């Protein structure tokens, strides 16, 4: 059985968090600024959204000390 245990917003900062729990897994997501911090059973994954005047152009993923970058290409054809 899956249950959503907590959706809340901090009042003193710009942080929002969500916790999901079932029998074997606990996932906590925190959002602050351009960052998303996802912790699954104690392992953290950090997503950082890079943006410029035209909007978001890349996503940097950091997990277990390894950085990966994903570029976002917008469709200008239609």
PDB file of N, CA and C in Angstrom:
ATOM      1  N   UNK A   1       0.832  -1.176   0.000  1.00  0.00           N
ATOM      2  CA  UNK A   1       0.000   0.000   0.000  1.00  0.00           C
ATOM      3  C   UNK A   1       0.880   1.245   0.000  1.00  0.00           C
ATOM      4  N   UNK A   2       0.557   2.181  -0.849  1.00  0.00           N
ATOM      5  CA  UNK A   2       1.329   3.408  -0.951  1.00  0.00           C
ATOM      6  C   UNK A   2       0.604   4.514  -0.194  1.00  0.00           C
ATOM      7  N   UNK A   3       1.382   5.339   0.499  1.00  0.00           N
ATOM      8  CA  UNK A   3       0.768   6.437   1.237  1.00  0.00           C
ATOM      9  C   UNK A   3       1.657   7.667   1.161  1.00  0.00           C
ATOM     10  N   UNK A   4       1.051   8.786   0.974  1.00  0.00           N
ATOM     11  CA  UNK A   4       1.745  10.063   0.976  1.00  0.00           C
ATOM     12  C   UNK A   4       1.662  10.597   2.392  1.00  0.00           C
ATOM     13  N   UNK A   5       2.815  10.726   3.057  1.00  0.00           N
ATOM     14  CA  UNK A   5       2.779  11.045   4.476  1.00  0.00           C
ATOM     15  C   UNK A   5       2.919  12.525   4.797  1.00  0.00           C
ATOM     16  N   UNK A   6       3.505  13.305   3.888  1.00  0.00           N
ATOM     17  CA  UNK A   6       3.742  14.698   4.257  1.00  0.00           C
ATOM     18  C   UNK A   6       3.908  15.553   3.016  1.00  0.00           C
ATOM     19  N   UNK A   7       3.122  16.578   2.890  1.00  0.00           N
ATOM     20  CA  UNK A   7       3.368  17.655   1.932  1.00  0.00           C
ATOM     21  C   UNK A   7       3.290  18.925   2.755  1.00  0.00           C
ATOM     22  N   UNK A   8       4.373  19.679   2.748  1.00  0.00           N
ATOM     23  CA  UNK A   8       4.409  20.843   3.616  1.00  0.00           C
ATOM     24  C   UNK A   8       5.279  21.922   3.008  1.00  0.00           C
ATOM     25  N   UNK A   9       5.173  23.104   3.523  1.00  0.00           N
ATOM     26  CA  UNK A   9       5.985  24.225   3.065  1.00  0.00           C
ATOM     27  C   UNK A   9       6.564  24.935   4.277  1.00  0.00           C
ATOM     28  N   UNK A  10       7.845  25.211   4.225  1.00  0.00           N
ATOM     29  CA  UNK A  10       8.483  25.931   5.322  1.00  0.00           C
ATOM     30  C   UNK A  10       8.048  27.388   5.283  1.00  0.00           C
ATOM     31  N   UNK A  11       7.843  27.964   6.426  1.00  0.00           N
ATOM     32  CA  UNK A  11       7.365  29.344   6.478  1.00  0.00           C
ATOM     33  C   UNK A  11       8.484  30.367   6.539  1.00  0.00           C
ATOM     34  N   UNK A  12       9.692  29.942   6.935  1.00  0.00           N
ATOM     35  CA  UNK A  12      10.786  30.900   7.086  1.00  0.00           C
ATOM     36  C   UNK A  12      11.773  30.884   5.933  1.00  0.00           C
ATOM     37  N   UNK A  13      11.580  30.014   4.976  1.00  0.00           N
ATOM     38  CA  UNK A  13      12.500  29.946   3.837  1.00  0.00           C
ATOM     39  C   UNK A  13      11.714  29.623   2.580  1.00  0.00           C
ATOM     40  N   UNK A  14      12.429  29.501   1.480  1.00  0.00           N
ATOM     41  CA  UNK A  14      11.791  29.197   0.207  1.00  0.00           C
ATOM     42  C   UNK A  14      11.995  27.709  -0.088  1.00  0.00           C
ATOM     43  N   UNK A  15      11.710  26.868   0.886  1.00  0.00           N
ATOM     44  CA  UNK A  15      11.880  25.430   0.734  1.00  0.00           C
ATOM     45  C   UNK A  15      10.522  24.753   0.849  1.00  0.00           C
ATOM     46  N   UNK A  16      10.252  23.857  -0.092  1.00  0.00           N
ATOM     47  CA  UNK A  16       9.056  23.038  -0.039  1.00  0.00           C
ATOM     48  C   UNK A  16       9.514  21.600  -0.048  1.00  0.00           C
ATOM     49  N   UNK A  17       8.851  20.746   0.705  1.00  0.00           N
ATOM     50  CA  UNK A  17       9.262  19.359   0.722  1.00  0.00           C
ATOM     51  C   UNK A  17       8.067  18.425   0.667  1.00  0.00           C
ATOM     52  N   UNK A  18       8.345  17.188   0.276  1.00  0.00           N
ATOM     53  CA  UNK A  18       7.323  16.149   0.154  1.00  0.00           C
ATOM     54  C   UNK A  18       7.962  14.828   0.549  1.00  0.00           C
ATOM     55  N   UNK A  19       7.250  14.009   1.312  1.00  0.00           N
ATOM     56  CA  UNK A  19       7.752  12.699   1.715  1.00  0.00           C
ATOM     57  C   UNK A  19       6.762  11.633   1.293  1.00  0.00           C
ATOM     58  N   UNK A  20       7.258  10.594   0.646  1.00  0.00           N
ATOM     59  CA  UNK A  20       6.454   9.454   0.204  1.00  0.00           C
ATOM     60  C   UNK A  20       6.990   8.213   0.897  1.00  0.00           C
ATOM     61  N   UNK A  21       6.115   7.405   1.477  1.00  0.00           N
ATOM     62  CA  UNK A  21       6.547   6.210   2.189  1.00  0.00           C
ATOM     63  C   UNK A  21       5.639   5.038   1.832  1.00  0.00           C
ATOM     64  N   UNK A  22       6.256   3.877   1.566  1.00  0.00           N
ATOM     65  CA  UNK A  22       5.510   2.621   1.503  1.00  0.00           C
ATOM     66  C   UNK A  22       6.271   1.590   2.329  1.00  0.00           C
ATOM     67  N   UNK A  23       6.002   0.313   2.174  1.00  0.00           N
ATOM     68  CA  UNK A  23       6.610  -0.705   3.027  1.00  0.00           C
ATOM     69  C   UNK A  23       8.141  -0.718   2.966  1.00  0.00           C
ATOM     70  N   UNK A  24       8.734  -0.508   1.783  1.00  0.00           N
ATOM     71  CA  UNK A  24      10.177  -0.663   1.606  1.00  0.00           C
ATOM     72  C   UNK A  24      10.914   0.608   1.230  1.00  0.00           C
ATOM     73  N   UNK A  25      10.214   1.674   0.910  1.00  0.00           N
ATOM     74  CA  UNK A  25      10.861   2.848   0.341  1.00  0.00           C
ATOM     75  C   UNK A  25      10.387   4.122   1.029  1.00  0.00           C
ATOM     76  N   UNK A  26      11.336   5.011   1.273  1.00  0.00           N
ATOM     77  CA  UNK A  26      11.010   6.366   1.725  1.00  0.00           C
ATOM     78  C   UNK A  26      11.703   7.333   0.775  1.00  0.00           C
ATOM     79  N   UNK A  27      10.919   8.194   0.148  1.00  0.00           N
ATOM     80  CA  UNK A  27      11.447   9.189  -0.780  1.00  0.00           C
ATOM     81  C   UNK A  27      11.090  10.567  -0.235  1.00  0.00           C
ATOM     82  N   UNK A  28      12.110  11.405  -0.052  1.00  0.00           N
ATOM     83  CA  UNK A  28      11.897  12.780   0.378  1.00  0.00           C
ATOM     84  C   UNK A  28      12.395  13.694  -0.719  1.00  0.00           C
ATOM     85  N   UNK A  29      11.543  14.626  -1.142  1.00  0.00           N
ATOM     86  CA  UNK A  29      11.918  15.616  -2.152  1.00  0.00           C
ATOM     87  C   UNK A  29      11.853  16.988  -1.516  1.00  0.00           C
ATOM     88  N   UNK A  30      12.924  17.778  -1.742  1.00  0.00           N
ATOM     89  CA  UNK A  30      12.972  19.158  -1.274  1.00  0.00           C
ATOM     90  C   UNK A  30      13.277  20.049  -2.466  1.00  0.00           C
ATOM     91  N   UNK A  31      12.589  21.177  -2.550  1.00  0.00           N
ATOM     92  CA  UNK A  31      12.829  22.140  -3.613  1.00  0.00           C
ATOM     93  C   UNK A  31      13.254  23.447  -2.975  1.00  0.00           C
ATOM     94  N   UNK A  32      14.362  24.010  -3.459  1.00  0.00           N
ATOM     95  CA  UNK A  32      14.851  25.300  -2.963  1.00  0.00           C
ATOM     96  C   UNK A  32      15.540  26.010  -4.117  1.00  0.00           C
ATOM     97  N   UNK A  33      15.042  27.156  -4.490  1.00  0.00           N
ATOM     98  CA  UNK A  33      15.629  27.900  -5.600  1.00  0.00           C
ATOM     99  C   UNK A  33      15.575  27.087  -6.879  1.00  0.00           C
ATOM    100  N   UNK A  34      16.727  26.917  -7.539  1.00  0.00           N
ATOM    101  CA  UNK A  34      16.803  26.147  -8.783  1.00  0.00           C
ATOM    102  C   UNK A  34      17.213  24.704  -8.517  1.00  0.00           C
ATOM    103  N   UNK A  35      17.128  24.262  -7.262  1.00  0.00           N
ATOM    104  CA  UNK A  35      17.582  22.913  -6.914  1.00  0.00           C
ATOM    105  C   UNK A  35      16.457  22.018  -6.447  1.00  0.00           C
ATOM    106  N   UNK A  36      16.601  20.745  -6.750  1.00  0.00           N
ATOM    107  CA  UNK A  36      15.680  19.710  -6.297  1.00  0.00           C
ATOM    108  C   UNK A  36      16.538  18.626  -5.643  1.00  0.00           C
ATOM    109  N   UNK A  37      16.250  18.315  -4.402  1.00  0.00           N
ATOM    110  CA  UNK A  37      17.039  17.359  -3.621  1.00  0.00           C
ATOM    111  C   UNK A  37      16.159  16.145  -3.337  1.00  0.00           C
ATOM    112  N   UNK A  38      16.532  15.002  -3.902  1.00  0.00           N
ATOM    113  CA  UNK A  38      15.724  13.792  -3.783  1.00  0.00           C
ATOM    114  C   UNK A  38      16.521  12.762  -2.990  1.00  0.00           C
ATOM    115  N   UNK A  39      15.962  12.311  -1.871  1.00  0.00           N
ATOM    116  CA  UNK A  39      16.612  11.299  -1.037  1.00  0.00           C
ATOM    117  C   UNK A  39      15.743  10.053  -1.051  1.00  0.00           C
ATOM    118  N   UNK A  40      16.323   8.944  -1.530  1.00  0.00           N
ATOM    119  CA  UNK A  40      15.625   7.664  -1.578  1.00  0.00           C
ATOM    120  C   UNK A  40      16.371   6.683  -0.691  1.00  0.00           C
ATOM    121  N   UNK A  41      15.745   6.279   0.398  1.00  0.00           N
ATOM    122  CA  UNK A  41      16.350   5.347   1.357  1.00  0.00           C
ATOM    123  C   UNK A  41      17.769   5.768   1.744  1.00  0.00           C
ATOM    124  N   UNK A  42      17.983   7.053   1.968  1.00  0.00           N
ATOM    125  CA  UNK A  42      19.281   7.547   2.424  1.00  0.00           C
ATOM    126  C   UNK A  42      20.250   7.955   1.333  1.00  0.00           C
ATOM    127  N   UNK A  43      19.956   7.678   0.064  1.00  0.00           N
ATOM    128  CA  UNK A  43      20.825   8.062  -1.048  1.00  0.00           C
ATOM    129  C   UNK A  43      20.298   9.356  -1.666  1.00  0.00           C
ATOM    130  N   UNK A  44      21.155  10.392  -1.704  1.00  0.00           N
ATOM    131  CA  UNK A  44      20.707  11.690  -2.215  1.00  0.00           C
ATOM    132  C   UNK A  44      21.075  11.889  -3.675  1.00  0.00           C
ATOM    133  N   UNK A  45      20.163  12.493  -4.406  1.00  0.00           N
ATOM    134  CA  UNK A  45      20.336  12.872  -5.811  1.00  0.00           C
ATOM    135  C   UNK A  45      19.948  14.345  -5.895  1.00  0.00           C
ATOM    136  N   UNK A  46      20.829  15.168  -6.484  1.00  0.00           N
ATOM    137  CA  UNK A  46      20.586  16.603  -6.567  1.00  0.00           C
ATOM    138  C   UNK A  46      20.404  16.987  -8.033  1.00  0.00           C
ATOM    139  N   UNK A  47      19.310  17.671  -8.328  1.00  0.00           N
ATOM    140  CA  UNK A  47      19.040  18.185  -9.668  1.00  0.00           C
ATOM    141  C   UNK A  47      19.091  19.705  -9.598  1.00  0.00           C
ATOM    142  N   UNK A  48      19.904  20.317 -10.461  1.00  0.00           N
ATOM    143  CA  UNK A  48      20.005  21.769 -10.531  1.00  0.00           C
ATOM    144  C   UNK A  48      19.589  22.209 -11.926  1.00  0.00           C
ATOM    145  N   UNK A  49      18.620  23.099 -11.984  1.00  0.00           N
ATOM    146  CA  UNK A  49      18.109  23.593 -13.256  1.00  0.00           C
ATOM    147  C   UNK A  49      18.835  24.882 -13.621  1.00  0.00           C
ATOM    148  N   UNK A  50      19.469  24.900 -14.798  1.00  0.00           N
ATOM    149  CA  UNK A  50      20.199  26.088 -15.259  1.00  0.00           C
ATOM    150  C   UNK A  50      19.302  26.868 -16.201  1.00  0.00           C
ATOM    151  N   UNK A  51      19.209  28.165 -15.980  1.00  0.00           N
ATOM    152  CA  UNK A  51      18.336  28.971 -16.829  1.00  0.00           C
ATOM    153  C   UNK A  51      19.000  30.280 -17.208  1.00  0.00           C
ATOM    154  N   UNK A  52      18.506  30.847 -18.287  1.00  0.00           N
ATOM    155  CA  UNK A  52      18.974  32.133 -18.790  1.00  0.00           C
ATOM    156  C   UNK A  52      17.774  32.954 -19.213  1.00  0.00           C
ATOM    157  N   UNK A  53      17.992  34.002 -20.000  1.00  0.00           N
ATOM    158  CA  UNK A  53      16.887  34.863 -20.429  1.00  0.00           C
ATOM    159  C   UNK A  53      15.804  34.127 -21.225  1.00  0.00           C
ATOM    160  N   UNK A  54      16.164  33.043 -21.909  1.00  0.00           N
ATOM    161  CA  UNK A  54      15.201  32.295 -22.716  1.00  0.00           C
ATOM    162  C   UNK A  54      14.544  31.156 -21.943  1.00  0.00           C
ATOM    163  N   UNK A  55      14.856  31.005 -20.660  1.00  0.00           N
ATOM    164  CA  UNK A  55      14.269  29.948 -19.837  1.00  0.00           C
ATOM    165  C   UNK A  55      15.289  28.872 -19.490  1.00  0.00           C
ATOM    166  N   UNK A  56      14.794  27.719 -19.075  1.00  0.00           N
ATOM    167  CA  UNK A  56      15.663  26.614 -18.663  1.00  0.00           C
ATOM    168  C   UNK A  56      16.365  26.039 -19.889  1.00  0.00           C
ATOM    169  N   UNK A  57      17.702  25.828 -19.789  1.00  0.00           N
ATOM    170  CA  UNK A  57      18.440  25.271 -20.921  1.00  0.00           C
ATOM    171  C   UNK A  57      19.203  23.999 -20.569  1.00  0.00           C
ATOM    172  N   UNK A  58      19.332  23.659 -19.289  1.00  0.00           N
ATOM    173  CA  UNK A  58      20.064  22.442 -18.923  1.00  0.00           C
ATOM    174  C   UNK A  58      19.672  21.986 -17.529  1.00  0.00           C
ATOM    175  N   UNK A  59      19.963  20.734 -17.268  1.00  0.00           N
ATOM    176  CA  UNK A  59      19.740  20.118 -15.970  1.00  0.00           C
ATOM    177  C   UNK A  59      21.027  19.416 -15.567  1.00  0.00           C
ATOM    178  N   UNK A  60      21.536  19.721 -14.372  1.00  0.00           N
ATOM    179  CA  UNK A  60      22.732  19.057 -13.860  1.00  0.00           C
ATOM    180  C   UNK A  60      22.279  18.081 -12.776  1.00  0.00           C
ATOM    181  N   UNK A  61      22.662  16.812 -12.931  1.00  0.00           N
ATOM    182  CA  UNK A  61      22.323  15.777 -11.960  1.00  0.00           C
ATOM    183  C   UNK A  61      23.596  15.356 -11.232  1.00  0.00           C
ATOM    184  N   UNK A  62      23.551  15.364  -9.904  1.00  0.00           N
ATOM    185  CA  UNK A  62      24.681  14.905  -9.107  1.00  0.00           C
ATOM    186  C   UNK A  62      24.189  13.768  -8.212  1.00  0.00           C
ATOM    187  N   UNK A  63      24.821  12.611  -8.372  1.00  0.00           N
ATOM    188  CA  UNK A  63      24.459  11.452  -7.564  1.00  0.00           C
ATOM    189  C   UNK A  63      25.713  10.636  -7.299  1.00  0.00           C
ATOM    190  N   UNK A  64      25.974  10.365  -6.046  1.00  0.00           N
ATOM    191  CA  UNK A  64      27.134   9.592  -5.605  1.00  0.00           C
ATOM    192  C   UNK A  64      28.445  10.175  -6.154  1.00  0.00           C
ATOM    193  N   UNK A  65      28.552  11.509  -6.139  1.00  0.00           N
ATOM    194  CA  UNK A  65      29.771  12.184  -6.561  1.00  0.00           C
ATOM    195  C   UNK A  65      29.972  12.303  -8.061  1.00  0.00           C
ATOM    196  N   UNK A  66      29.010  11.863  -8.860  1.00  0.00           N
ATOM    197  CA  UNK A  66      29.119  11.920 -10.321  1.00  0.00           C
ATOM    198  C   UNK A  66      28.154  12.981 -10.847  1.00  0.00           C
ATOM    199  N   UNK A  67      28.685  13.904 -11.654  1.00  0.00           N
ATOM    200  CA  UNK A  67      27.859  14.940 -12.267  1.00  0.00           C
ATOM    201  C   UNK A  67      27.532  14.564 -13.708  1.00  0.00           C
ATOM    202  N   UNK A  68      26.284  14.742 -14.079  1.00  0.00           N
ATOM    203  CA  UNK A  68      25.844  14.567 -15.471  1.00  0.00           C
ATOM    204  C   UNK A  68      25.087  15.827 -15.852  1.00  0.00           C
ATOM    205  N   UNK A  69      25.235  16.246 -17.099  1.00  0.00           N
ATOM    206  CA  UNK A  69      24.509  17.416 -17.579  1.00  0.00           C
ATOM    207  C   UNK A  69      23.624  17.000 -18.754  1.00  0.00           C
ATOM    208  N   UNK A  70      22.386  17.466 -18.723  1.00  0.00           N
ATOM    209  CA  UNK A  70      21.415  17.183 -19.770  1.00  0.00           C
ATOM    210  C   UNK A  70      20.955  18.517 -20.341  1.00  0.00           C
ATOM    211  N   UNK A  71      21.139  18.703 -21.647  1.00  0.00           N
ATOM    212  CA  UNK A  71      20.739  19.952 -22.293  1.00  0.00           C
ATOM    213  C   UNK A  71      19.303  19.827 -22.793  1.00  0.00           C
ATOM    214  N   UNK A  72      18.562  20.910 -22.654  1.00  0.00           N
ATOM    215  CA  UNK A  72      17.166  20.945 -23.069  1.00  0.00           C
ATOM    216  C   UNK A  72      17.102  21.696 -24.395  1.00  0.00           C
ATOM    217  N   UNK A  73      16.585  21.043 -25.414  1.00  0.00           N
ATOM    218  CA  UNK A  73      16.449  21.643 -26.740  1.00  0.00           C
ATOM    219  C   UNK A  73      14.974  21.898 -27.004  1.00  0.00           C
ATOM    220  N   UNK A  74      14.650  23.130 -27.225  1.00  0.00           N
ATOM    221  CA  UNK A  74      13.250  23.488 -27.484  1.00  0.00           C
ATOM    222  C   UNK A  74      12.972  23.339 -28.969  1.00  0.00           C
ATOM    223  N   UNK A  75      11.758  22.908 -29.275  1.00  0.00           N
ATOM    224  CA  UNK A  75      11.333  22.724 -30.653  1.00  0.00           C
ATOM    225  C   UNK A  75      10.870  24.078 -31.200  1.00  0.00           C
ATOM    226  N   UNK A  76      11.629  24.620 -32.146  1.00  0.00           N
ATOM    227  CA  UNK A  76      11.265  25.904 -32.741  1.00  0.00           C
ATOM    228  C   UNK A  76      10.546  25.733 -34.083  1.00  0.00           C
ATOM    229  N   UNK A  77      10.218  24.489 -34.440  1.00  0.00           N
ATOM    230  CA  UNK A  77       9.601  24.250 -35.750  1.00  0.00           C
ATOM    231  C   UNK A  77       8.087  24.308 -35.706  1.00  0.00           C
ATOM    232  N   UNK A  78       7.478  24.198 -34.587  1.00  0.00           N
ATOM    233  CA  UNK A  78       6.034  24.218 -34.609  1.00  0.00           C
ATOM    234  C   UNK A  78       5.469  24.182 -33.285  1.00  0.00           C
TER     235      UNK A  78
END
